[in-house]
Amino acid sequence: MALPDRPVNSWFQGMDLPSRLFETGRSDYELYEEDGEFVLSVELPGFDPADIDVTWHEGVLNVAAEHEDESRGQRKTYHRRFRFPKDVDDGEIAAEYTNGILEVRLPIFEGATARGTTIDVES
């Protein structure tokens, strides 16, 4: 028996299940390298800049946010860590929050190469 050639999300559409339960491929961030720096954009709608903590320690960027809406009795949290493969100039890291998007720019040291070891793949 062949499986349907539709995306996984469409298999569950007729089952009346919550749509986010089986969602795949969605990400709340975008990370890329351009012009000698990493650029990380994170979707954080509903937070104030004071609610967001961005820290750097030994090649790992930590993004955490917490917001408590006492009038509704709701608490919203976010936490994610990002490990970077190249040496970053931690004194020049900059973060900006605009319209629900946190953008962090991490300049790479000139001439920095990816850390780690190349592993041969055998067949």
Protein backbone atom coordinates (compact mmCIF):
# COMPACT_ATOMS: atom_id res chain seq x y z
CA MET A 1 0.00 0.00 0.00
CA ALA A 2 1.46 3.33 -1.03
CA LEU A 3 1.35 6.33 1.29
CA PRO A 4 -0.40 9.47 0.07
CA ASP A 5 1.89 11.88 -1.72
CA ARG A 6 0.46 14.87 0.19
CA PRO A 7 2.40 16.67 2.94
CA VAL A 8 2.09 15.18 6.44
CA ASN A 9 0.07 18.17 7.66
CA SER A 10 -2.65 17.48 5.09
CA TRP A 11 -3.10 13.86 6.32
CA PHE A 12 -4.59 15.17 9.56
CA GLN A 13 -6.77 17.99 8.17
CA GLY A 14 -9.94 15.88 8.05
CA MET A 15 -9.46 14.45 11.54
CA ASP A 16 -10.59 17.57 13.46
CA LEU A 17 -7.36 17.69 15.52
CA PRO A 18 -5.73 20.93 16.65
CA SER A 19 -3.79 22.20 13.64
CA ARG A 20 -0.58 22.95 15.56
CA LEU A 21 -0.40 19.46 17.07
CA PHE A 22 1.15 17.91 13.95
CA GLU A 23 2.71 20.97 12.39
CA THR A 24 6.12 20.32 10.81
CA GLY A 25 8.77 22.51 9.26
CA ARG A 26 7.80 25.72 11.05
CA SER A 27 10.51 27.62 12.84
CA ASP A 28 10.33 30.73 14.99
CA TYR A 29 13.79 31.91 13.94
CA GLU A 30 16.02 32.50 10.95
CA LEU A 31 19.81 32.27 11.13
CA TYR A 32 22.21 33.09 8.34
CA GLU A 33 25.71 34.43 7.69
CA GLU A 34 26.34 37.56 5.63
CA ASP A 35 29.03 40.22 5.34
CA GLY A 36 31.24 38.72 8.04
CA GLU A 37 28.57 38.27 10.68
CA PHE A 38 25.85 35.90 11.78
CA VAL A 39 22.36 37.35 11.76
CA LEU A 40 19.69 35.77 13.94
CA SER A 41 16.04 36.88 13.71
CA VAL A 42 13.65 35.48 16.32
CA GLU A 43 9.88 35.94 16.31
CA LEU A 44 8.86 37.12 19.80
CA PRO A 45 5.48 38.81 19.40
CA GLY A 46 3.85 40.14 22.55
CA PHE A 47 7.05 40.73 24.51
CA ASP A 48 8.52 44.05 25.58
CA PRO A 49 12.27 44.65 25.14
CA ALA A 50 12.60 44.60 28.96
CA ASP A 51 11.13 41.05 28.97
CA ILE A 52 13.95 39.68 26.76
CA ASP A 53 17.37 38.48 27.96
CA VAL A 54 20.13 37.81 25.44
CA THR A 55 23.39 36.37 26.76
CA TRP A 56 26.60 35.00 25.22
CA HIS A 57 28.87 32.43 26.83
CA GLU A 58 31.61 30.35 25.16
CA GLY A 59 30.08 30.12 21.69
CA VAL A 60 26.46 29.82 22.80
CA LEU A 61 23.84 32.55 22.45
CA ASN A 62 20.96 32.22 24.89
CA VAL A 63 17.66 33.97 24.15
CA ALA A 64 15.07 33.96 26.93
CA ALA A 65 11.90 35.96 27.39
CA GLU A 66 9.18 36.02 29.99
CA HIS A 67 6.03 38.12 30.15
CA GLU A 68 3.30 37.97 32.75
CA ASP A 69 -0.10 39.49 31.98
CA GLU A 70 -1.62 39.82 35.46
CA SER A 71 -4.93 41.15 34.14
CA ARG A 72 -5.49 37.90 32.19
CA GLY A 73 -3.64 35.59 34.54
CA GLN A 74 -1.36 34.45 31.70
CA ARG A 75 2.37 33.86 31.57
CA LYS A 76 4.30 33.65 28.32
CA THR A 77 7.85 32.26 28.14
CA TYR A 78 10.43 31.59 25.44
CA HIS A 79 13.87 29.97 25.66
CA ARG A 80 16.27 28.83 22.99
CA ARG A 81 20.04 28.33 22.69
CA PHE A 82 22.12 28.73 19.56
CA ARG A 83 25.66 27.33 19.20
CA PHE A 84 27.95 29.01 16.69
CA PRO A 85 30.67 27.20 14.70
CA LYS A 86 33.03 30.19 14.32
CA ASP A 87 34.66 32.60 16.76
CA VAL A 88 32.43 35.61 17.36
CA ASP A 89 33.60 39.04 18.55
CA ASP A 90 31.50 39.00 21.72
CA GLY A 91 32.27 42.67 22.44
CA GLU A 92 30.48 43.69 19.24
CA ILE A 93 27.29 41.59 19.49
CA ALA A 94 24.23 43.81 19.03
CA ALA A 95 20.52 43.09 19.55
CA GLU A 96 17.47 45.07 18.44
CA TYR A 97 13.76 44.36 19.00
CA THR A 98 11.31 45.84 16.49
CA ASN A 99 7.67 44.91 15.78
CA GLY A 100 7.88 41.54 17.56
CA ILE A 101 11.17 40.51 15.91
CA LEU A 102 14.43 40.24 17.83
CA GLU A 103 17.45 40.64 15.55
CA VAL A 104 20.87 39.74 16.92
CA ARG A 105 24.03 40.48 14.91
CA LEU A 106 27.17 38.55 15.83
CA PRO A 107 30.35 39.73 14.04
CA ILE A 108 32.78 36.94 13.17
CA PHE A 109 36.50 37.45 13.85
CA GLU A 110 38.33 38.06 10.60
CA GLY A 111 39.78 34.82 9.25
CA ALA A 112 37.86 32.65 11.70
CA THR A 113 37.14 29.16 10.46
CA ALA A 114 34.60 26.63 11.57
CA ARG A 115 35.63 24.86 14.76
CA GLY A 116 35.56 21.13 15.07
CA THR A 117 36.95 18.11 13.33
CA THR A 118 36.21 16.77 9.88
CA ILE A 119 34.87 13.22 10.05
CA ASP A 120 35.35 10.91 7.09
CA VAL A 121 32.25 9.14 5.85
CA GLU A 122 32.87 5.55 4.90
CA SER A 123 30.77 3.46 2.58
